[in-house]
Amino acid sequence: MTVLGELLRALAAGQIPAKVPPDCEYSEEVGELIAYLNDLTRFQRAMAAGDLSAKIERRGALAGALKGLHANLRHLTWQTQQVAAGDFKQRVDFLGEFSVAFNSMVEALAQARDDLVTKNDQLATAYAELKSAQAQLLQQEKMASVGQLAAGIAHEINNPMGFIQSNLGTLGSYGDALKSYVEKTEELEAQCPEAVRNTLSEQRKELDLEFIFEDLPTLISESVSGAKRVRDIVQSLKNFSHVDEAEVQRININDCIESTILTTEGALRPKADVVREYGELPAIECRPHLLSQLFLNLLQNAAAAIPEHGEIRIKTWVDGDMVAASVTDTGCGIPKEILNRIFEPFFTTKPVGTGTGLGLANVYDAVKKHHGKIGVTSTVGTGSTFTIRLPIKSSAASAADGKPPAGPPA
């Protein structure tokens, strides 16, 4: 076999010599073929190694096929990068069966991404609900502990305040008796010797009896007023701890709200116009005394929040398996930084001596006792809205005995 024949056989087997043997026929043409094959091999190896920046300047059918494959791989790489960046609209239509597999993979990734987003949203919702439930549970436990403390304090204060008020009334009677006696002795002084009259006169001046009899009614009146304030605080504590609860009854809360408005109308009229928007409501099981106190506190707070004269709007409606009532005022509003504290016992923004800080705590606890919900929205300078929701089929009867409700709280 000639040298050329052996060389061609080697090339057909994929063995490319480094150079053309000097005694080979057509050595120049064979050299060009070897250089061509070497360039194609280097280009193919670069693509196999992932180097898509490699280039080849050769022409011919084989070089053209490699260039086409190179262009397709570069485009496929770009599309893969787009998919990795979140663009799941990419599709391949130039690689035969591989295109089908690639497109199916992209569709699966898109579906997986959508499922992940949905699951993430569900997880976020569940977390928010869990966080809210935890906050409500902590608040309920805190309010229950404070309620027990309030009941004890109310009982301990109520007993001594009873005889303090009674003694103040008796002291007032004693003061009146002493004043009458002194006035009678002054009438009889005219019949006494002058020396005696002078002695009695000096004694009156020294004891300052005129000032005492003038100041004594004021002191007693202020003490009675202070005792009354203590009694009001004790009553608020009793309401908060439910030591004097009424029996469970079926009532329409429209009637409860209306009677409460009529009771406090004298205090509301100077501060606000009351607008009623009553809906058609079914009767619910509740303790009317607690609900009356609840709405009374909300109305009083609404009136107190209005600086001069405004509007209090009361609305009721049915909300699924609950009845709802909202009290909206056009008052000063509640700052956002204290909105989450307004139901805490003894927390108040009123000046010292003008509020017990138990009104909204009683409201919250009454709603909780009925297994309802309470919410508040407020804008400073515009007003506030308190919304109460109470279950139509209430567990108020079991709550009256301190037992857990038959089902989950509404």
Protein backbone atom coordinates (compact mmCIF):
# COMPACT_ATOMS: atom_id res chain seq x y z
CA MET A 1 0.00 0.00 0.00
CA THR A 2 1.26 3.47 -0.80
CA VAL A 3 1.98 6.06 1.84
CA LEU A 4 -1.09 8.04 0.72
CA GLY A 5 -3.32 5.00 1.11
CA GLU A 6 -2.06 4.30 4.62
CA LEU A 7 -2.51 7.95 5.57
CA LEU A 8 -6.11 8.01 4.27
CA ARG A 9 -6.90 4.77 6.13
CA ALA A 10 -5.54 6.36 9.36
CA LEU A 11 -7.61 9.48 8.82
CA ALA A 12 -10.73 7.34 8.28
CA ALA A 13 -10.04 5.66 11.62
CA GLY A 14 -9.83 9.05 13.33
CA GLN A 15 -6.07 9.06 13.67
CA ILE A 16 -4.81 12.44 12.53
CA PRO A 17 -1.02 12.59 12.16
CA ALA A 18 0.85 15.62 13.38
CA LYS A 19 2.38 16.15 9.93
CA VAL A 20 2.40 14.74 6.38
CA PRO A 21 5.14 12.21 5.62
CA PRO A 22 7.62 13.72 3.17
CA ASP A 23 7.24 10.86 0.67
CA CYS A 24 3.43 11.10 0.55
CA GLU A 25 1.78 11.75 -2.77
CA TYR A 26 -0.28 14.93 -2.92
CA SER A 27 1.37 16.09 0.29
CA GLU A 28 0.11 19.67 -0.04
CA GLU A 29 -3.54 18.66 -0.42
CA VAL A 30 -3.26 16.09 2.40
CA GLY A 31 -1.65 18.75 4.64
CA GLU A 32 -4.64 21.08 4.11
CA LEU A 33 -7.03 18.22 4.93
CA ILE A 34 -5.15 17.45 8.14
CA ALA A 35 -5.17 21.15 9.16
CA TYR A 36 -8.94 21.28 8.41
CA LEU A 37 -9.61 18.21 10.52
CA ASN A 38 -7.45 19.54 13.38
CA ASP A 39 -9.40 22.83 13.43
CA LEU A 40 -12.74 20.97 13.50
CA THR A 41 -11.48 18.71 16.31
CA ARG A 42 -10.36 21.66 18.44
CA PHE A 43 -13.73 23.40 17.87
CA GLN A 44 -15.66 20.24 18.79
CA ARG A 45 -13.58 19.71 21.93
CA ALA A 46 -14.13 23.35 23.03
CA MET A 47 -17.90 22.93 22.70
CA ALA A 48 -17.74 19.62 24.58
CA ALA A 49 -15.87 21.40 27.40
CA GLY A 50 -18.58 24.11 27.55
CA ASP A 51 -16.52 26.84 25.90
CA LEU A 52 -19.17 28.35 23.62
CA SER A 53 -16.96 31.36 22.91
CA ALA A 54 -14.80 29.28 20.53
CA LYS A 55 -14.97 30.16 16.84
CA ILE A 56 -14.05 28.44 13.57
CA GLU A 57 -13.42 30.15 10.26
CA ARG A 58 -13.42 26.98 8.10
CA ARG A 59 -16.02 26.37 5.44
CA GLY A 60 -17.57 23.18 4.21
CA ALA A 61 -20.48 20.91 5.08
CA LEU A 62 -18.91 19.49 8.23
CA ALA A 63 -17.78 22.92 9.51
CA GLY A 64 -21.23 24.34 8.73
CA ALA A 65 -22.93 21.57 10.73
CA LEU A 66 -20.67 22.25 13.72
CA LYS A 67 -21.33 26.00 13.44
CA GLY A 68 -25.10 25.35 13.44
CA LEU A 69 -24.79 23.13 16.50
CA HIS A 70 -22.66 25.79 18.18
CA ALA A 71 -25.26 28.50 17.51
CA ASN A 72 -28.05 26.27 18.86
CA LEU A 73 -26.07 25.51 22.01
CA ARG A 74 -25.39 29.21 22.60
CA HIS A 75 -29.10 30.04 22.23
CA LEU A 76 -30.07 27.13 24.48
CA THR A 77 -27.62 28.37 27.11
CA TRP A 78 -29.17 31.85 26.99
CA GLN A 79 -32.69 30.38 27.31
CA THR A 80 -31.59 28.28 30.28
CA GLN A 81 -30.26 31.43 31.96
CA GLN A 82 -33.60 33.15 31.34
CA VAL A 83 -35.45 30.21 32.93
CA ALA A 84 -33.07 30.37 35.90
CA ALA A 85 -33.95 34.07 36.23
CA GLY A 86 -37.66 33.20 36.41
CA ASP A 87 -38.77 33.52 32.78
CA PHE A 88 -40.76 30.31 32.31
CA LYS A 89 -42.08 31.35 28.88
CA GLN A 90 -38.95 30.12 27.08
CA ARG A 91 -39.48 27.29 24.57
CA VAL A 92 -37.06 25.32 22.31
CA ASP A 93 -38.05 24.15 18.83
CA PHE A 94 -34.76 23.36 17.08
CA LEU A 95 -33.36 20.29 18.85
CA GLY A 96 -35.91 17.59 18.03
CA GLU A 97 -36.78 15.29 20.93
CA PHE A 98 -34.56 17.32 23.26
CA SER A 99 -36.82 20.32 22.62
CA VAL A 100 -39.83 18.36 23.90
CA ALA A 101 -37.94 17.36 27.05
CA PHE A 102 -36.65 20.90 27.62
CA ASN A 103 -40.11 22.46 27.15
CA SER A 104 -41.68 19.89 29.49
CA MET A 105 -39.04 20.69 32.10
CA VAL A 106 -39.73 24.43 31.83
CA GLU A 107 -43.48 23.88 32.17
CA ALA A 108 -42.91 21.69 35.23
CA LEU A 109 -40.66 24.35 36.76
CA ALA A 110 -43.30 27.02 36.10
CA GLN A 111 -45.98 24.90 37.77
CA ALA A 112 -43.67 24.16 40.70
CA ARG A 113 -42.96 27.89 41.06
CA ASP A 114 -46.71 28.70 41.07
CA ASP A 115 -47.37 25.94 43.62
CA LEU A 116 -44.55 27.26 45.79
CA VAL A 117 -45.95 30.81 45.65
CA THR A 118 -49.42 29.51 46.60
CA LYS A 119 -48.02 27.44 49.47
CA ASN A 120 -45.96 30.41 50.64
CA ASP A 121 -49.06 32.65 50.63
CA GLN A 122 -50.99 29.99 52.55
CA LEU A 123 -48.14 29.68 55.04
CA ALA A 124 -48.01 33.46 55.51
CA THR A 125 -51.78 33.55 56.09
CA ALA A 126 -51.58 30.67 58.56
CA TYR A 127 -48.71 32.37 60.38
CA ALA A 128 -50.66 35.63 60.64
CA GLU A 129 -53.72 33.77 61.96
CA LEU A 130 -51.58 31.84 64.45
CA LYS A 131 -49.92 35.04 65.62
CA SER A 132 -53.31 36.72 66.04
CA ALA A 133 -54.71 33.72 67.92
CA GLN A 134 -51.67 33.67 70.19
CA ALA A 135 -52.06 37.39 70.95
CA GLN A 136 -55.75 36.91 71.73
CA LEU A 137 -54.99 33.93 73.97
CA LEU A 138 -52.37 35.88 75.89
CA GLN A 139 -54.78 38.81 76.22
CA GLN A 140 -57.54 36.52 77.49
CA GLU A 141 -55.24 34.93 80.06
CA LYS A 142 -54.07 38.35 81.20
CA MET A 143 -57.62 39.67 81.43
CA ALA A 144 -58.73 36.57 83.37
CA SER A 145 -55.93 37.08 85.91
CA VAL A 146 -56.69 40.77 86.23
CA GLY A 147 -60.40 39.93 86.59
CA GLN A 148 -59.68 37.69 89.59
CA LEU A 149 -57.49 40.38 91.10
CA ALA A 150 -60.16 43.02 90.46
CA ALA A 151 -62.82 40.90 92.15
CA GLY A 152 -60.66 40.57 95.27
CA ILE A 153 -59.81 44.27 95.35
CA ALA A 154 -63.45 45.26 94.85
CA HIS A 155 -64.53 43.05 97.75
CA GLU A 156 -61.81 44.31 100.09
CA ILE A 157 -62.47 47.98 99.29
CA ASN A 158 -66.26 47.73 99.29
CA ASN A 159 -66.55 46.68 102.94
CA PRO A 160 -64.64 49.59 104.57
CA MET A 161 -66.16 52.08 102.09
CA GLY A 162 -69.62 51.10 103.34
CA PHE A 163 -69.01 52.26 106.88
CA ILE A 164 -66.90 55.24 105.74
CA GLN A 165 -69.88 56.58 103.78
CA SER A 166 -72.22 55.79 106.64
CA ASN A 167 -69.94 57.54 109.15
CA LEU A 168 -69.65 60.61 106.91
CA GLY A 169 -73.43 60.91 106.89
CA THR A 170 -73.54 60.55 110.66
CA LEU A 171 -70.72 63.08 111.05
CA GLY A 172 -72.74 65.58 109.03
CA SER A 173 -75.67 65.10 111.40
CA TYR A 174 -73.38 65.54 114.38
CA GLY A 175 -72.05 68.79 112.90
CA ASP A 176 -75.58 70.10 112.43
CA ALA A 177 -76.42 69.20 116.05
CA LEU A 178 -73.32 70.93 117.40
CA LYS A 179 -74.04 74.04 115.33
CA SER A 180 -77.60 74.15 116.68
CA TYR A 181 -76.31 73.77 120.23
CA VAL A 182 -73.76 76.57 119.82
CA GLU A 183 -76.38 78.87 118.31
CA LYS A 184 -78.67 78.16 121.28
CA THR A 185 -75.91 78.92 123.78
CA GLU A 186 -75.23 82.19 121.98
CA GLU A 187 -78.87 83.17 122.54
CA LEU A 188 -78.52 82.44 126.25
CA GLU A 189 -75.28 84.42 126.61
CA ALA A 190 -77.27 87.63 127.00
CA GLN A 191 -78.54 86.36 130.37
CA CYS A 192 -75.02 85.60 131.67
CA PRO A 193 -72.77 88.01 133.58
CA GLU A 194 -70.49 90.12 131.45
CA ALA A 195 -67.40 88.26 132.62
CA VAL A 196 -68.90 84.98 131.46
CA ARG A 197 -69.91 86.48 128.11
CA ASN A 198 -66.35 87.80 127.59
CA THR A 199 -64.85 84.41 128.44
CA LEU A 200 -67.18 82.59 126.00
CA SER A 201 -66.48 85.14 123.27
CA GLU A 202 -62.71 84.75 123.70
CA GLN A 203 -63.11 80.98 123.65
CA ARG A 204 -65.07 81.11 120.38
CA LYS A 205 -62.40 83.30 118.80
CA GLU A 206 -59.60 81.06 120.06
CA LEU A 207 -61.28 77.91 118.70
CA ASP A 208 -62.33 79.73 115.53
CA LEU A 209 -65.77 78.17 115.78
CA GLU A 210 -67.25 80.35 113.03
CA PHE A 211 -64.70 79.06 110.50
CA ILE A 212 -65.16 75.47 111.70
CA PHE A 213 -68.93 75.59 111.25
CA GLU A 214 -68.46 77.23 107.85
CA ASP A 215 -65.80 74.77 106.66
CA LEU A 216 -67.24 71.57 108.16
CA PRO A 217 -70.01 71.06 105.52
CA THR A 218 -67.47 71.60 102.75
CA LEU A 219 -65.09 69.03 104.22
CA ILE A 220 -67.87 66.50 104.63
CA SER A 221 -69.17 67.18 101.10
CA GLU A 222 -65.71 66.69 99.58
CA SER A 223 -65.22 63.50 101.59
CA VAL A 224 -68.59 62.17 100.43
CA SER A 225 -67.65 63.02 96.84
CA GLY A 226 -64.34 61.21 97.21
CA ALA A 227 -66.08 58.22 98.76
CA LYS A 228 -68.54 58.20 95.86
CA ARG A 229 -65.63 58.16 93.40
CA VAL A 230 -64.09 55.21 95.21
CA ARG A 231 -67.51 53.51 95.08
CA ASP A 232 -67.66 54.13 91.31
CA ILE A 233 -64.20 52.61 90.89
CA VAL A 234 -65.25 49.59 92.94
CA GLN A 235 -68.39 49.23 90.83
CA SER A 236 -66.26 49.32 87.69
CA LEU A 237 -64.04 46.65 89.15
CA LYS A 238 -67.11 44.56 89.99
CA ASN A 239 -68.42 44.99 86.47
CA PHE A 240 -65.03 44.01 85.10
CA SER A 241 -64.81 40.86 87.23
CA HIS A 242 -68.54 40.05 86.85
CA VAL A 243 -69.19 39.49 90.55
CA ASP A 244 -72.79 40.74 90.08
CA GLU A 245 -73.81 39.09 86.80
CA ALA A 246 -77.39 38.95 85.62
CA GLU A 247 -79.01 35.80 84.28
CA VAL A 248 -78.75 34.84 80.63
CA GLN A 249 -81.66 36.06 78.50
CA ARG A 250 -82.63 36.23 74.84
CA ILE A 251 -82.79 39.84 73.65
CA ASN A 252 -82.45 41.93 70.52
CA ILE A 253 -79.35 44.10 70.90
CA ASN A 254 -81.15 46.94 69.06
CA ASP A 255 -83.40 47.21 72.12
CA CYS A 256 -80.39 47.01 74.44
CA ILE A 257 -78.59 49.82 72.57
CA GLU A 258 -81.70 52.00 72.43
CA SER A 259 -82.37 51.71 76.16
CA THR A 260 -78.72 52.54 76.86
CA ILE A 261 -78.93 55.63 74.63
CA LEU A 262 -82.06 56.81 76.46
CA THR A 263 -80.34 56.28 79.81
CA THR A 264 -77.34 58.42 78.90
CA GLU A 265 -79.04 60.81 76.47
CA GLY A 266 -78.66 63.75 78.84
CA ALA A 267 -74.88 63.36 78.80
CA LEU A 268 -74.67 62.66 75.07
CA ARG A 269 -76.88 65.48 73.76
CA PRO A 270 -74.47 68.37 74.56
CA LYS A 271 -71.57 66.57 72.87
CA ALA A 272 -73.00 64.79 69.82
CA ASP A 273 -75.95 64.01 67.59
CA VAL A 274 -76.71 60.30 67.82
CA VAL A 275 -77.50 58.69 64.43
CA ARG A 276 -79.09 55.24 64.49
CA GLU A 277 -78.80 52.71 61.65
CA TYR A 278 -80.47 49.61 63.08
CA GLY A 279 -80.64 46.47 60.95
CA GLU A 280 -83.07 43.56 61.24
CA LEU A 281 -81.54 41.35 63.94
CA PRO A 282 -82.45 38.03 65.54
CA ALA A 283 -82.51 37.72 69.32
CA ILE A 284 -79.33 36.37 70.89
CA GLU A 285 -78.51 34.66 74.17
CA CYS A 286 -76.64 37.11 76.39
CA ARG A 287 -76.44 38.81 79.77
CA PRO A 288 -78.24 42.12 79.15
CA HIS A 289 -76.63 43.84 82.12
CA LEU A 290 -73.17 43.29 80.64
CA LEU A 291 -74.18 44.40 77.15
CA SER A 292 -75.83 47.54 78.52
CA GLN A 293 -72.63 48.35 80.41
CA LEU A 294 -70.63 47.56 77.26
CA PHE A 295 -72.55 49.98 75.04
CA LEU A 296 -72.71 52.58 77.80
CA ASN A 297 -68.89 52.58 78.02
CA LEU A 298 -68.55 52.82 74.24
CA LEU A 299 -71.01 55.74 74.06
CA GLN A 300 -69.35 57.56 76.95
CA ASN A 301 -65.90 57.09 75.38
CA ALA A 302 -67.21 58.32 72.02
CA ALA A 303 -68.68 61.45 73.62
CA ALA A 304 -65.48 62.08 75.61
CA ALA A 305 -63.41 61.86 72.40
CA ILE A 306 -65.39 64.70 70.75
CA PRO A 307 -63.81 68.06 71.69
CA GLU A 308 -66.84 70.29 71.04
CA HIS A 309 -69.84 68.92 69.17
CA GLY A 310 -69.90 66.07 66.67
CA GLU A 311 -71.70 62.90 65.68
CA ILE A 312 -71.96 59.39 67.09
CA ARG A 313 -73.23 56.86 64.55
CA ILE A 314 -74.52 53.48 65.72
CA LYS A 315 -75.02 50.73 63.15
CA THR A 316 -76.18 47.11 63.55
CA TRP A 317 -76.35 44.26 61.04
CA VAL A 318 -76.17 40.47 60.67
CA ASP A 319 -72.73 39.13 59.77
CA GLY A 320 -73.00 35.42 58.97
CA ASP A 321 -73.70 33.56 62.21
CA MET A 322 -73.09 36.71 64.26
CA VAL A 323 -74.78 40.02 64.96
CA ALA A 324 -72.57 43.08 64.64
CA ALA A 325 -72.73 46.59 66.04
CA SER A 326 -70.41 49.53 65.41
CA VAL A 327 -70.05 52.82 67.28
CA THR A 328 -68.37 55.55 65.22
CA ASP A 329 -67.47 59.00 66.54
CA THR A 330 -66.09 62.14 64.92
CA GLY A 331 -63.67 62.70 67.77
CA CYS A 332 -59.95 63.23 68.09
CA GLY A 333 -59.01 59.64 67.23
CA ILE A 334 -56.52 57.30 68.89
CA PRO A 335 -52.77 57.51 68.14
CA LYS A 336 -51.45 54.37 66.46
CA GLU A 337 -48.76 53.85 69.09
CA ILE A 338 -51.32 53.30 71.89
CA LEU A 339 -54.05 51.58 69.87
CA ASN A 340 -52.97 48.13 71.08
CA ARG A 341 -53.12 49.22 74.75
CA ILE A 342 -56.59 50.73 75.00
CA PHE A 343 -58.15 47.51 76.37
CA GLU A 344 -55.60 47.18 79.17
CA PRO A 345 -57.09 47.68 82.67
CA PHE A 346 -56.31 51.10 84.18
CA PHE A 347 -54.80 52.41 80.93
CA THR A 348 -56.29 55.83 80.18
CA THR A 349 -55.36 58.99 78.30
CA LYS A 350 -57.70 61.12 80.40
CA PRO A 351 -56.33 63.53 83.02
CA VAL A 352 -55.72 62.14 86.51
CA GLY A 353 -58.93 61.96 88.49
CA THR A 354 -61.29 61.94 85.48
CA GLY A 355 -61.23 58.27 84.49
CA THR A 356 -60.71 54.84 86.04
CA GLY A 357 -59.15 53.24 82.96
CA LEU A 358 -61.55 50.30 83.26
CA GLY A 359 -64.23 51.26 80.71
CA LEU A 360 -62.73 49.63 77.62
CA ALA A 361 -61.31 46.79 79.73
CA ASN A 362 -64.89 46.02 80.79
CA VAL A 363 -65.99 46.24 77.14
CA TYR A 364 -63.29 43.78 76.04
CA ASP A 365 -64.05 41.35 78.85
CA ALA A 366 -67.83 41.46 78.23
CA VAL A 367 -67.26 40.65 74.55
CA LYS A 368 -64.89 37.82 75.49
CA LYS A 369 -67.43 36.42 77.98
CA HIS A 370 -69.96 36.22 75.14
CA HIS A 371 -67.33 34.55 72.89
CA GLY A 372 -67.49 37.45 70.46
CA LYS A 373 -64.99 39.68 68.71
CA ILE A 374 -64.09 43.34 69.04
CA GLY A 375 -62.12 45.50 66.64
CA VAL A 376 -61.19 49.16 66.44
CA THR A 377 -60.05 51.44 63.65
CA SER A 378 -59.03 55.02 64.25
CA THR A 379 -57.59 58.02 62.47
CA VAL A 380 -56.15 60.88 64.51
CA GLY A 381 -58.18 64.03 63.91
CA THR A 382 -61.02 62.13 62.20
CA GLY A 383 -62.49 59.71 64.71
CA SER A 384 -62.73 56.06 65.76
CA THR A 385 -64.96 53.06 65.09
CA PHE A 386 -65.44 50.22 67.57
CA THR A 387 -67.04 47.11 66.06
CA ILE A 388 -68.57 44.37 68.20
CA ARG A 389 -69.54 40.93 66.85
CA LEU A 390 -71.55 38.52 69.02
CA PRO A 391 -72.59 34.97 68.08
CA ILE A 392 -76.31 34.45 67.48
CA LYS A 393 -76.06 31.02 69.11
CA SER A 394 -74.08 32.15 72.11
CA SER A 395 -72.34 30.19 74.85
CA ALA A 396 -73.10 32.92 77.38
CA ALA A 397 -74.82 30.44 79.70
CA SER A 398 -71.71 28.32 80.15
CA ALA A 399 -69.53 31.41 80.42
CA ALA A 400 -71.66 32.64 83.34
CA ASP A 401 -70.49 29.63 85.32
CA GLY A 402 -66.90 30.01 84.20
CA LYS A 403 -67.15 26.85 82.06
CA PRO A 404 -65.54 26.58 78.62
CA PRO A 405 -67.89 26.99 75.65
CA ALA A 406 -69.25 23.91 73.93
CA GLY A 407 -67.47 24.80 70.69
CA PRO A 408 -64.62 27.07 69.61
CA PRO A 409 -65.01 30.83 70.27
CA ALA A 410 -66.75 32.69 67.48
